[in-house]
Amino acid sequence: MILLQSPSKYLLQILSNRLKNLEKGVELDCQWVEFDDVRYHVQASMKNPQLLLLSLSLPTPPPETVFIGGLPPGAIEAVKVAYGAVVKIIDPPKDGYNLTVKLNFSKLPPDEENNKALLIKIASVREVVLGAPLRVVLKHLGARTLAPDVENLMALVHRPKESFFLVPRAEKVTIIFPMRFKDSIDTVLATSFLQEFVEARRAAGLNNAPSCSWSASPPSELKDGPAESLCVNAGFITFVILPRHVEGKKLDRTVWSLSTFHAYVNYHVKCSEGFMHTRMRRRVESLIQALDRAKPDSLKTKRSGHSRSFKRLSLKDGRG
């Protein structure tokens, strides 16, 4: 299985190139969209080459998801803790975006190792912002406590107008993903993939991984959930996260893996579909070759006899 990487590669490349060419003071204005409809906008001017504006637009939240000031709960605090004095939050953000920050390259750490680590952290701004409420819940799970002001059923946005659900407890956190796909072929492949995903979890080498289950109908934890969120075509997959899954450095990996799980499944579904198409094309080509070899020799001779060949003549040959 291929896991999606936390930092945006394109954003990390822009930040690294900008840092290496600060003396040139090149004008910069880039916009792009990454998976799950997360939009980025990077701006830098020649007048202030040390400063860079980074704007982030998040997926449109569904009605059951709570956003505070256009951001998930705890996102502002998470940005301040992650980046410190290097990043300043601009309020209000740029029109059309949920968050705009000003990055000051002059405040980056002097040593190269810490410098690179902070740039990778900045390139992981999607994880910091969208994963903020999930991180709070899982951090309290590591301490075997319940986060304050947390409801029995939390909805967190992860795709445009789609959410996944958390059932926080002091000893475990249950996370439920309603899986829906637009294409009928993707739905069939995803359903098969998720069922095999659950079966693979039972292997001996994955005893320490979070337990997971798949069902076609909503789990009992979602009996009070919104009806719109329960309309799915690829079932529901449930993970149970225990304190040992969020110890130390495992917390960051767990937050990222959960917040991008749908994109992870969609990636492997598309890869499987492309692989099957390639195999089908190769099979068709081999069958055509077999049919050509099976044709009678008389038919081949007849075809070759009717063939015409032409020789290009020069002007001198034509006169002769």
C-alpha atoms as a PDB file:
ATOM      1  CA  MET A   1       0.000   0.000   0.000  1.00  0.00           C
ATOM      2  CA  ILE A   2       1.159   3.520  -0.822  1.00  0.00           C
ATOM      3  CA  LEU A   3       0.546   6.178   1.823  1.00  0.00           C
ATOM      4  CA  LEU A   4      -0.060   9.781   0.828  1.00  0.00           C
ATOM      5  CA  GLN A   5       2.692  12.107   1.976  1.00  0.00           C
ATOM      6  CA  SER A   6       1.927  14.804   4.514  1.00  0.00           C
ATOM      7  CA  PRO A   7       3.803  17.793   3.049  1.00  0.00           C
ATOM      8  CA  SER A   8       2.668  19.310  -0.221  1.00  0.00           C
ATOM      9  CA  LYS A   9       5.563  18.563  -2.594  1.00  0.00           C
ATOM     10  CA  TYR A  10       4.822  21.563  -4.783  1.00  0.00           C
ATOM     11  CA  LEU A  11       4.585  23.951  -1.828  1.00  0.00           C
ATOM     12  CA  LEU A  12       7.791  22.540  -0.335  1.00  0.00           C
ATOM     13  CA  GLN A  13       9.582  23.025  -3.657  1.00  0.00           C
ATOM     14  CA  ILE A  14       8.392  26.644  -3.876  1.00  0.00           C
ATOM     15  CA  LEU A  15       9.546  27.406  -0.323  1.00  0.00           C
ATOM     16  CA  SER A  16      12.948  25.763  -0.849  1.00  0.00           C
ATOM     17  CA  ASN A  17      13.561  27.578  -4.143  1.00  0.00           C
ATOM     18  CA  ARG A  18      12.482  30.882  -2.648  1.00  0.00           C
ATOM     19  CA  LEU A  19      14.861  30.456   0.263  1.00  0.00           C
ATOM     20  CA  LYS A  20      17.789  29.675  -2.055  1.00  0.00           C
ATOM     21  CA  ASN A  21      17.115  32.686  -4.299  1.00  0.00           C
ATOM     22  CA  LEU A  22      16.260  35.413  -1.804  1.00  0.00           C
ATOM     23  CA  GLU A  23      18.903  37.714  -3.263  1.00  0.00           C
ATOM     24  CA  LYS A  24      17.262  37.672  -6.693  1.00  0.00           C
ATOM     25  CA  GLY A  25      13.927  38.908  -5.337  1.00  0.00           C
ATOM     26  CA  VAL A  26      11.781  37.273  -8.031  1.00  0.00           C
ATOM     27  CA  GLU A  27       8.070  38.137  -8.228  1.00  0.00           C
ATOM     28  CA  LEU A  28       5.946  35.101  -7.324  1.00  0.00           C
ATOM     29  CA  ASP A  29       2.224  34.387  -7.742  1.00  0.00           C
ATOM     30  CA  CYS A  30       1.155  30.699  -7.854  1.00  0.00           C
ATOM     31  CA  GLN A  31      -2.207  28.976  -7.411  1.00  0.00           C
ATOM     32  CA  TRP A  32      -2.966  25.247  -7.481  1.00  0.00           C
ATOM     33  CA  VAL A  33      -5.388  22.644  -6.140  1.00  0.00           C
ATOM     34  CA  GLU A  34      -4.453  19.395  -4.408  1.00  0.00           C
ATOM     35  CA  PHE A  35      -6.529  16.349  -3.504  1.00  0.00           C
ATOM     36  CA  ASP A  36      -9.799  16.764  -1.579  1.00  0.00           C
ATOM     37  CA  ASP A  37     -10.249  20.256  -3.065  1.00  0.00           C
ATOM     38  CA  VAL A  38      -7.611  22.032  -0.960  1.00  0.00           C
ATOM     39  CA  ARG A  39      -6.490  25.197  -2.786  1.00  0.00           C
ATOM     40  CA  TYR A  40      -3.209  27.046  -2.253  1.00  0.00           C
ATOM     41  CA  HIS A  41      -2.122  30.560  -3.249  1.00  0.00           C
ATOM     42  CA  VAL A  42       1.461  31.744  -2.795  1.00  0.00           C
ATOM     43  CA  GLN A  43       2.521  35.366  -3.340  1.00  0.00           C
ATOM     44  CA  ALA A  44       5.878  37.128  -2.947  1.00  0.00           C
ATOM     45  CA  SER A  45       7.057  40.550  -4.156  1.00  0.00           C
ATOM     46  CA  MET A  46      10.409  41.949  -5.257  1.00  0.00           C
ATOM     47  CA  LYS A  47      10.207  44.771  -2.702  1.00  0.00           C
ATOM     48  CA  ASN A  48      10.125  42.413   0.313  1.00  0.00           C
ATOM     49  CA  PRO A  49      11.819  39.165  -0.766  1.00  0.00           C
ATOM     50  CA  GLN A  50      11.992  37.946   2.850  1.00  0.00           C
ATOM     51  CA  LEU A  51       8.178  37.813   3.118  1.00  0.00           C
ATOM     52  CA  LEU A  52       5.802  35.332   1.513  1.00  0.00           C
ATOM     53  CA  LEU A  53       1.996  35.176   1.699  1.00  0.00           C
ATOM     54  CA  LEU A  54       0.409  31.723   1.834  1.00  0.00           C
ATOM     55  CA  SER A  55      -3.374  31.343   1.543  1.00  0.00           C
ATOM     56  CA  LEU A  56      -5.293  28.110   2.071  1.00  0.00           C
ATOM     57  CA  SER A  57      -8.841  27.264   1.008  1.00  0.00           C
ATOM     58  CA  LEU A  58     -10.457  24.249   2.674  1.00  0.00           C
ATOM     59  CA  PRO A  59     -13.194  21.913   1.372  1.00  0.00           C
ATOM     60  CA  THR A  60     -16.747  23.213   1.754  1.00  0.00           C
ATOM     61  CA  PRO A  61     -17.989  21.880   5.116  1.00  0.00           C
ATOM     62  CA  PRO A  62     -21.289  19.988   5.424  1.00  0.00           C
ATOM     63  CA  PRO A  63     -24.014  21.350   7.777  1.00  0.00           C
ATOM     64  CA  GLU A  64     -23.115  18.996  10.644  1.00  0.00           C
ATOM     65  CA  THR A  65     -19.479  20.178  10.772  1.00  0.00           C
ATOM     66  CA  VAL A  66     -18.629  23.067  13.096  1.00  0.00           C
ATOM     67  CA  PHE A  67     -16.329  25.786  11.710  1.00  0.00           C
ATOM     68  CA  ILE A  68     -15.244  28.756  13.819  1.00  0.00           C
ATOM     69  CA  GLY A  69     -14.370  31.797  11.743  1.00  0.00           C
ATOM     70  CA  GLY A  70     -14.119  29.640   8.630  1.00  0.00           C
ATOM     71  CA  LEU A  71     -11.690  27.178  10.264  1.00  0.00           C
ATOM     72  CA  PRO A  72     -11.994  23.923  12.231  1.00  0.00           C
ATOM     73  CA  PRO A  73     -11.909  24.294  16.036  1.00  0.00           C
ATOM     74  CA  GLY A  74      -8.380  24.747  17.370  1.00  0.00           C
ATOM     75  CA  ALA A  75      -6.853  25.531  13.957  1.00  0.00           C
ATOM     76  CA  ILE A  76      -5.534  28.983  14.933  1.00  0.00           C
ATOM     77  CA  GLU A  77      -3.877  27.643  18.085  1.00  0.00           C
ATOM     78  CA  ALA A  78      -2.409  24.729  16.113  1.00  0.00           C
ATOM     79  CA  VAL A  79      -0.841  27.117  13.566  1.00  0.00           C
ATOM     80  CA  LYS A  80       0.685  29.269  16.315  1.00  0.00           C
ATOM     81  CA  VAL A  81       2.122  26.249  18.132  1.00  0.00           C
ATOM     82  CA  ALA A  82       3.477  24.637  14.955  1.00  0.00           C
ATOM     83  CA  TYR A  83       5.197  27.687  13.442  1.00  0.00           C
ATOM     84  CA  GLY A  84       5.808  30.165  16.261  1.00  0.00           C
ATOM     85  CA  ALA A  85       7.211  33.569  15.262  1.00  0.00           C
ATOM     86  CA  VAL A  86       8.103  32.464  11.724  1.00  0.00           C
ATOM     87  CA  VAL A  87       4.454  32.692  10.613  1.00  0.00           C
ATOM     88  CA  LYS A  88       2.002  35.514  11.293  1.00  0.00           C
ATOM     89  CA  ILE A  89      -1.735  34.968  10.783  1.00  0.00           C
ATOM     90  CA  ILE A  90      -3.422  37.638   8.638  1.00  0.00           C
ATOM     91  CA  ASP A  91      -6.911  38.559   9.829  1.00  0.00           C
ATOM     92  CA  PRO A  92      -9.137  38.682   7.840  1.00  0.00           C
ATOM     93  CA  PRO A  93      -7.754  36.198   5.283  1.00  0.00           C
ATOM     94  CA  LYS A  94      -7.635  36.868   1.569  1.00  0.00           C
ATOM     95  CA  ASP A  95     -11.016  36.775  -0.202  1.00  0.00           C
ATOM     96  CA  GLY A  96     -11.996  33.234  -1.155  1.00  0.00           C
ATOM     97  CA  TYR A  97      -9.636  31.589   1.346  1.00  0.00           C
ATOM     98  CA  ASN A  98     -10.044  30.295   4.898  1.00  0.00           C
ATOM     99  CA  LEU A  99      -6.536  31.108   6.119  1.00  0.00           C
ATOM    100  CA  THR A 100      -3.793  33.538   5.085  1.00  0.00           C
ATOM    101  CA  VAL A 101      -0.394  33.613   6.809  1.00  0.00           C
ATOM    102  CA  LYS A 102       2.737  35.686   6.277  1.00  0.00           C
ATOM    103  CA  LEU A 103       5.972  33.723   6.288  1.00  0.00           C
ATOM    104  CA  ASN A 104       9.147  35.601   7.271  1.00  0.00           C
ATOM    105  CA  PHE A 105      12.249  33.833   5.926  1.00  0.00           C
ATOM    106  CA  SER A 106      14.546  35.979   8.079  1.00  0.00           C
ATOM    107  CA  LYS A 107      13.174  34.255  11.208  1.00  0.00           C
ATOM    108  CA  LEU A 108      13.923  30.719  10.044  1.00  0.00           C
ATOM    109  CA  PRO A 109      16.424  28.708  12.153  1.00  0.00           C
ATOM    110  CA  PRO A 110      20.071  29.289  11.139  1.00  0.00           C
ATOM    111  CA  ASP A 111      21.081  25.608  11.042  1.00  0.00           C
ATOM    112  CA  GLU A 112      20.166  23.685   7.917  1.00  0.00           C
ATOM    113  CA  GLU A 113      18.576  20.674   9.640  1.00  0.00           C
ATOM    114  CA  ASN A 114      16.036  22.648  11.677  1.00  0.00           C
ATOM    115  CA  ASN A 115      15.496  24.950   8.716  1.00  0.00           C
ATOM    116  CA  LYS A 116      14.500  22.056   6.470  1.00  0.00           C
ATOM    117  CA  ALA A 117      12.296  20.502   9.162  1.00  0.00           C
ATOM    118  CA  LEU A 118      10.356  23.759   9.572  1.00  0.00           C
ATOM    119  CA  LEU A 119       9.862  24.136   5.816  1.00  0.00           C
ATOM    120  CA  ILE A 120       8.432  20.612   5.712  1.00  0.00           C
ATOM    121  CA  LYS A 121       6.131  21.561   8.584  1.00  0.00           C
ATOM    122  CA  ILE A 122       4.962  24.657   6.697  1.00  0.00           C
ATOM    123  CA  ALA A 123       4.343  22.537   3.601  1.00  0.00           C
ATOM    124  CA  SER A 124       2.157  20.327   5.849  1.00  0.00           C
ATOM    125  CA  VAL A 125      -0.196  23.222   6.637  1.00  0.00           C
ATOM    126  CA  ARG A 126      -3.157  21.164   5.438  1.00  0.00           C
ATOM    127  CA  GLU A 127      -2.509  18.596   8.154  1.00  0.00           C
ATOM    128  CA  VAL A 128      -2.022  21.292  10.793  1.00  0.00           C
ATOM    129  CA  VAL A 129      -5.305  23.076   9.965  1.00  0.00           C
ATOM    130  CA  LEU A 130      -7.711  20.278   9.039  1.00  0.00           C
ATOM    131  CA  GLY A 131      -6.256  17.853  11.576  1.00  0.00           C
ATOM    132  CA  ALA A 132      -6.410  20.298  14.513  1.00  0.00           C
ATOM    133  CA  PRO A 133      -9.640  19.006  16.162  1.00  0.00           C
ATOM    134  CA  LEU A 134      -8.646  15.383  15.549  1.00  0.00           C
ATOM    135  CA  ARG A 135      -5.225  16.037  17.060  1.00  0.00           C
ATOM    136  CA  VAL A 136      -6.800  17.512  20.226  1.00  0.00           C
ATOM    137  CA  VAL A 137      -9.002  14.449  20.739  1.00  0.00           C
ATOM    138  CA  LEU A 138      -6.169  11.969  20.090  1.00  0.00           C
ATOM    139  CA  LYS A 139      -3.764  13.900  22.309  1.00  0.00           C
ATOM    140  CA  HIS A 140      -6.179  13.559  25.213  1.00  0.00           C
ATOM    141  CA  LEU A 141      -6.559   9.887  24.347  1.00  0.00           C
ATOM    142  CA  GLY A 142      -2.802   9.475  24.798  1.00  0.00           C
ATOM    143  CA  ALA A 143      -3.231  10.868  28.328  1.00  0.00           C
ATOM    144  CA  ARG A 144      -6.338   8.659  28.794  1.00  0.00           C
ATOM    145  CA  THR A 145      -8.561  11.675  29.380  1.00  0.00           C
ATOM    146  CA  LEU A 146     -11.503  13.192  27.564  1.00  0.00           C
ATOM    147  CA  ALA A 147     -11.033  16.547  25.842  1.00  0.00           C
ATOM    148  CA  PRO A 148     -13.168  19.348  27.343  1.00  0.00           C
ATOM    149  CA  ASP A 149     -16.258  20.595  25.492  1.00  0.00           C
ATOM    150  CA  VAL A 150     -16.302  17.523  23.259  1.00  0.00           C
ATOM    151  CA  GLU A 151     -19.610  16.087  22.088  1.00  0.00           C
ATOM    152  CA  ASN A 152     -20.473  12.407  22.083  1.00  0.00           C
ATOM    153  CA  LEU A 153     -20.438  12.474  18.263  1.00  0.00           C
ATOM    154  CA  MET A 154     -18.125  14.859  16.406  1.00  0.00           C
ATOM    155  CA  ALA A 155     -18.231  15.552  12.660  1.00  0.00           C
ATOM    156  CA  LEU A 156     -14.992  16.623  10.934  1.00  0.00           C
ATOM    157  CA  VAL A 157     -14.728  17.779   7.324  1.00  0.00           C
ATOM    158  CA  HIS A 158     -12.373  15.894   5.007  1.00  0.00           C
ATOM    159  CA  ARG A 159     -13.947  16.324   1.549  1.00  0.00           C
ATOM    160  CA  PRO A 160     -16.238  18.924  -0.071  1.00  0.00           C
ATOM    161  CA  LYS A 161     -19.580  18.705   1.756  1.00  0.00           C
ATOM    162  CA  GLU A 162     -18.557  15.372   3.335  1.00  0.00           C
ATOM    163  CA  SER A 163     -17.481  14.530   6.861  1.00  0.00           C
ATOM    164  CA  PHE A 164     -16.294  11.649   8.980  1.00  0.00           C
ATOM    165  CA  PHE A 165     -17.300  11.038  12.581  1.00  0.00           C
ATOM    166  CA  LEU A 166     -15.536  10.660  15.930  1.00  0.00           C
ATOM    167  CA  VAL A 167     -16.892   9.019  19.056  1.00  0.00           C
ATOM    168  CA  PRO A 168     -14.385  10.103  21.740  1.00  0.00           C
ATOM    169  CA  ARG A 169     -13.901   8.154  24.952  1.00  0.00           C
ATOM    170  CA  ALA A 170     -11.175   8.260  27.583  1.00  0.00           C
ATOM    171  CA  GLU A 171      -9.933   4.747  26.746  1.00  0.00           C
ATOM    172  CA  LYS A 172     -10.523   4.727  22.967  1.00  0.00           C
ATOM    173  CA  VAL A 173     -11.690   6.848  20.034  1.00  0.00           C
ATOM    174  CA  THR A 174     -13.971   5.316  17.411  1.00  0.00           C
ATOM    175  CA  ILE A 175     -13.688   6.865  13.950  1.00  0.00           C
ATOM    176  CA  ILE A 176     -16.288   6.150  11.261  1.00  0.00           C
ATOM    177  CA  PHE A 177     -15.933   6.981   7.560  1.00  0.00           C
ATOM    178  CA  PRO A 178     -19.048   7.031   5.341  1.00  0.00           C
ATOM    179  CA  MET A 179     -17.622   6.036   1.943  1.00  0.00           C
ATOM    180  CA  ARG A 180     -19.261   7.375  -1.205  1.00  0.00           C
ATOM    181  CA  PHE A 181     -18.043   7.593  -4.797  1.00  0.00           C
ATOM    182  CA  LYS A 182     -19.499   9.216  -7.923  1.00  0.00           C
ATOM    183  CA  ASP A 183     -18.486   6.560 -10.457  1.00  0.00           C
ATOM    184  CA  SER A 184     -20.196   3.141 -10.324  1.00  0.00           C
ATOM    185  CA  ILE A 185     -16.959   1.302 -11.190  1.00  0.00           C
ATOM    186  CA  ASP A 186     -15.123   3.156  -8.422  1.00  0.00           C
ATOM    187  CA  THR A 187     -17.892   2.155  -6.000  1.00  0.00           C
ATOM    188  CA  VAL A 188     -17.512  -1.555  -6.809  1.00  0.00           C
ATOM    189  CA  LEU A 189     -13.714  -1.443  -6.587  1.00  0.00           C
ATOM    190  CA  ALA A 190     -13.779   0.583  -3.353  1.00  0.00           C
ATOM    191  CA  THR A 191     -16.232  -1.826  -1.704  1.00  0.00           C
ATOM    192  CA  SER A 192     -14.007  -4.780  -2.595  1.00  0.00           C
ATOM    193  CA  PHE A 193     -10.895  -2.865  -1.497  1.00  0.00           C
ATOM    194  CA  LEU A 194     -12.375  -1.971   1.900  1.00  0.00           C
ATOM    195  CA  GLN A 195     -13.494  -5.538   2.571  1.00  0.00           C
ATOM    196  CA  GLU A 196     -10.012  -6.837   1.713  1.00  0.00           C
ATOM    197  CA  PHE A 197      -8.590  -4.036   3.850  1.00  0.00           C
ATOM    198  CA  VAL A 198     -10.457  -5.418   6.860  1.00  0.00           C
ATOM    199  CA  GLU A 199      -9.337  -8.986   6.070  1.00  0.00           C
ATOM    200  CA  ALA A 200      -5.692  -7.900   5.748  1.00  0.00           C
ATOM    201  CA  ARG A 201      -5.859  -6.363   9.232  1.00  0.00           C
ATOM    202  CA  ARG A 202      -6.279  -9.877  10.682  1.00  0.00           C
ATOM    203  CA  ALA A 203      -2.815 -10.920   9.491  1.00  0.00           C
ATOM    204  CA  ALA A 204      -0.361 -11.851  12.238  1.00  0.00           C
ATOM    205  CA  GLY A 205       2.024  -9.014  11.397  1.00  0.00           C
ATOM    206  CA  LEU A 206      -0.673  -6.362  11.975  1.00  0.00           C
ATOM    207  CA  ASN A 207      -1.689  -7.238  15.505  1.00  0.00           C
ATOM    208  CA  ASN A 208      -0.740  -3.781  16.801  1.00  0.00           C
ATOM    209  CA  ALA A 209      -2.611  -1.874  14.072  1.00  0.00           C
ATOM    210  CA  PRO A 210      -5.984  -0.276  14.913  1.00  0.00           C
ATOM    211  CA  SER A 211      -8.875  -2.691  14.575  1.00  0.00           C
ATOM    212  CA  CYS A 212     -11.213  -1.950  11.675  1.00  0.00           C
ATOM    213  CA  SER A 213     -14.565  -3.202  10.426  1.00  0.00           C
ATOM    214  CA  TRP A 214     -16.755  -2.625   7.376  1.00  0.00           C
ATOM    215  CA  SER A 215     -20.526  -2.678   7.125  1.00  0.00           C
ATOM    216  CA  ALA A 216     -23.051  -1.811   4.446  1.00  0.00           C
ATOM    217  CA  SER A 217     -25.410  -0.223   6.994  1.00  0.00           C
ATOM    218  CA  PRO A 218     -24.614   2.595   9.463  1.00  0.00           C
ATOM    219  CA  PRO A 219     -22.961   1.469  12.725  1.00  0.00           C
ATOM    220  CA  SER A 220     -24.849   1.886  15.983  1.00  0.00           C
ATOM    221  CA  GLU A 221     -22.686   4.903  16.890  1.00  0.00           C
ATOM    222  CA  LEU A 222     -24.311   6.848  14.037  1.00  0.00           C
ATOM    223  CA  LYS A 223     -27.913   6.255  15.068  1.00  0.00           C
ATOM    224  CA  ASP A 224     -28.213   9.967  15.949  1.00  0.00           C
ATOM    225  CA  GLY A 225     -26.190  11.143  12.948  1.00  0.00           C
ATOM    226  CA  PRO A 226     -27.585  13.352  10.152  1.00  0.00           C
ATOM    227  CA  ALA A 227     -29.530  11.462   7.516  1.00  0.00           C
ATOM    228  CA  GLU A 228     -27.669  13.122   4.621  1.00  0.00           C
ATOM    229  CA  SER A 229     -24.334  11.776   5.869  1.00  0.00           C
ATOM    230  CA  LEU A 230     -25.667   8.216   6.073  1.00  0.00           C
ATOM    231  CA  CYS A 231     -26.497   8.000   2.350  1.00  0.00           C
ATOM    232  CA  VAL A 232     -23.495   6.075   1.024  1.00  0.00           C
ATOM    233  CA  ASN A 233     -22.808   3.609  -1.785  1.00  0.00           C
ATOM    234  CA  ALA A 234     -19.591   1.947  -0.541  1.00  0.00           C
ATOM    235  CA  GLY A 235     -20.532   1.266   3.080  1.00  0.00           C
ATOM    236  CA  PHE A 236     -19.029   2.423   6.364  1.00  0.00           C
ATOM    237  CA  ILE A 237     -15.564   1.610   7.669  1.00  0.00           C
ATOM    238  CA  THR A 238     -14.793   1.974  11.368  1.00  0.00           C
ATOM    239  CA  PHE A 239     -11.428   2.288  13.138  1.00  0.00           C
ATOM    240  CA  VAL A 240     -10.836   1.990  16.878  1.00  0.00           C
ATOM    241  CA  ILE A 241      -7.841   4.055  18.024  1.00  0.00           C
ATOM    242  CA  LEU A 242      -6.241   3.114  21.361  1.00  0.00           C
ATOM    243  CA  PRO A 243      -3.707   5.076  23.457  1.00  0.00           C
ATOM    244  CA  ARG A 244      -0.803   3.010  22.108  1.00  0.00           C
ATOM    245  CA  HIS A 245      -1.568   4.230  18.577  1.00  0.00           C
ATOM    246  CA  VAL A 246      -0.903   7.880  19.473  1.00  0.00           C
ATOM    247  CA  GLU A 247       2.198   7.572  21.643  1.00  0.00           C
ATOM    248  CA  GLY A 248       5.052   9.971  20.838  1.00  0.00           C
ATOM    249  CA  LYS A 249       5.691  10.416  17.116  1.00  0.00           C
ATOM    250  CA  LYS A 250       2.831   8.080  16.223  1.00  0.00           C
ATOM    251  CA  LEU A 251       0.384  10.937  16.817  1.00  0.00           C
ATOM    252  CA  ASP A 252       1.370  12.881  13.680  1.00  0.00           C
ATOM    253  CA  ARG A 253       1.200   9.808  11.459  1.00  0.00           C
ATOM    254  CA  THR A 254      -2.162   8.745  12.890  1.00  0.00           C
ATOM    255  CA  VAL A 255      -3.682  12.216  12.413  1.00  0.00           C
ATOM    256  CA  TRP A 256      -2.485  12.396   8.804  1.00  0.00           C
ATOM    257  CA  SER A 257      -3.538   8.842   7.911  1.00  0.00           C
ATOM    258  CA  LEU A 258      -7.050   9.364   9.279  1.00  0.00           C
ATOM    259  CA  SER A 259      -7.628  12.838   7.838  1.00  0.00           C
ATOM    260  CA  THR A 260      -6.665  11.630   4.326  1.00  0.00           C
ATOM    261  CA  PHE A 261      -8.166   8.145   4.451  1.00  0.00           C
ATOM    262  CA  HIS A 262     -10.759   8.723   1.726  1.00  0.00           C
ATOM    263  CA  ALA A 263      -8.099  10.158  -0.608  1.00  0.00           C
ATOM    264  CA  TYR A 264      -5.921   7.140   0.224  1.00  0.00           C
ATOM    265  CA  VAL A 265      -8.695   4.717  -0.781  1.00  0.00           C
ATOM    266  CA  ASN A 266      -9.530   6.730  -3.896  1.00  0.00           C
ATOM    267  CA  TYR A 267      -5.857   6.692  -4.958  1.00  0.00           C
ATOM    268  CA  HIS A 268      -5.620   2.908  -4.741  1.00  0.00           C
ATOM    269  CA  VAL A 269      -8.978   2.463  -6.495  1.00  0.00           C
ATOM    270  CA  LYS A 270      -7.778   4.558  -9.445  1.00  0.00           C
ATOM    271  CA  CYS A 271      -4.475   2.650  -9.515  1.00  0.00           C
ATOM    272  CA  SER A 272      -6.347  -0.674  -9.551  1.00  0.00           C
ATOM    273  CA  GLU A 273      -8.601   0.556 -12.339  1.00  0.00           C
ATOM    274  CA  GLY A 274      -5.617   1.685 -14.412  1.00  0.00           C
ATOM    275  CA  PHE A 275      -3.834  -1.635 -13.796  1.00  0.00           C
ATOM    276  CA  MET A 276      -6.860  -3.629 -14.953  1.00  0.00           C
ATOM    277  CA  HIS A 277      -7.203  -1.493 -18.088  1.00  0.00           C
ATOM    278  CA  THR A 278      -3.538  -2.125 -18.898  1.00  0.00           C
ATOM    279  CA  ARG A 279      -3.974  -5.876 -18.432  1.00  0.00           C
ATOM    280  CA  MET A 280      -7.088  -5.853 -20.622  1.00  0.00           C
ATOM    281  CA  ARG A 281      -5.297  -3.985 -23.434  1.00  0.00           C
ATOM    282  CA  ARG A 282      -2.379  -6.415 -23.289  1.00  0.00           C
ATOM    283  CA  ARG A 283      -4.774  -9.360 -23.382  1.00  0.00           C
ATOM    284  CA  VAL A 284      -6.566  -7.972 -26.430  1.00  0.00           C
ATOM    285  CA  GLU A 285      -3.240  -7.442 -28.206  1.00  0.00           C
ATOM    286  CA  SER A 286      -2.169 -11.043 -27.480  1.00  0.00           C
ATOM    287  CA  LEU A 287      -5.504 -12.382 -28.788  1.00  0.00           C
ATOM    288  CA  ILE A 288      -5.150 -10.361 -32.002  1.00  0.00           C
ATOM    289  CA  GLN A 289      -1.651 -11.773 -32.515  1.00  0.00           C
ATOM    290  CA  ALA A 290      -2.974 -15.297 -31.918  1.00  0.00           C
ATOM    291  CA  LEU A 291      -5.711 -14.751 -34.519  1.00  0.00           C
ATOM    292  CA  ASP A 292      -3.164 -13.496 -37.046  1.00  0.00           C
ATOM    293  CA  ARG A 293      -1.037 -16.610 -36.514  1.00  0.00           C
ATOM    294  CA  ALA A 294      -4.088 -18.853 -36.952  1.00  0.00           C
ATOM    295  CA  LYS A 295      -4.947 -17.551 -40.456  1.00  0.00           C
ATOM    296  CA  PRO A 296      -4.368 -20.067 -43.336  1.00  0.00           C
ATOM    297  CA  ASP A 297      -1.197 -19.690 -45.385  1.00  0.00           C
ATOM    298  CA  SER A 298      -3.251 -19.457 -48.624  1.00  0.00           C
ATOM    299  CA  LEU A 299      -5.003 -16.370 -47.297  1.00  0.00           C
ATOM    300  CA  LYS A 300      -1.677 -14.800 -46.405  1.00  0.00           C
ATOM    301  CA  THR A 301      -0.277 -15.608 -49.892  1.00  0.00           C
ATOM    302  CA  LYS A 302      -3.371 -14.208 -51.579  1.00  0.00           C
ATOM    303  CA  ARG A 303      -3.066 -10.995 -49.659  1.00  0.00           C
ATOM    304  CA  SER A 304       0.618 -10.654 -50.440  1.00  0.00           C
ATOM    305  CA  GLY A 305      -0.074 -11.313 -54.164  1.00  0.00           C
ATOM    306  CA  HIS A 306      -2.521  -8.436 -54.395  1.00  0.00           C
ATOM    307  CA  SER A 307      -0.100  -6.067 -52.778  1.00  0.00           C
ATOM    308  CA  ARG A 308       1.400  -3.368 -55.000  1.00  0.00           C
ATOM    309  CA  SER A 309       4.857  -1.856 -54.803  1.00  0.00           C
ATOM    310  CA  PHE A 310       6.063   1.272 -56.540  1.00  0.00           C
ATOM    311  CA  LYS A 311       9.530   2.442 -57.392  1.00  0.00           C
ATOM    312  CA  ARG A 312      10.297   6.115 -57.553  1.00  0.00           C
ATOM    313  CA  LEU A 313      11.808   6.994 -60.975  1.00  0.00           C
ATOM    314  CA  SER A 314      14.113   9.878 -61.653  1.00  0.00           C
ATOM    315  CA  LEU A 315      13.538  12.355 -64.481  1.00  0.00           C
ATOM    316  CA  LYS A 316      16.354  10.724 -66.506  1.00  0.00           C
ATOM    317  CA  ASP A 317      14.778   7.271 -66.179  1.00  0.00           C
ATOM    318  CA  GLY A 318      11.435   8.609 -67.281  1.00  0.00           C
ATOM    319  CA  ARG A 319      12.890  10.054 -70.517  1.00  0.00           C
ATOM    320  CA  GLY A 320      14.572   6.740 -71.277  1.00  0.00           C
END
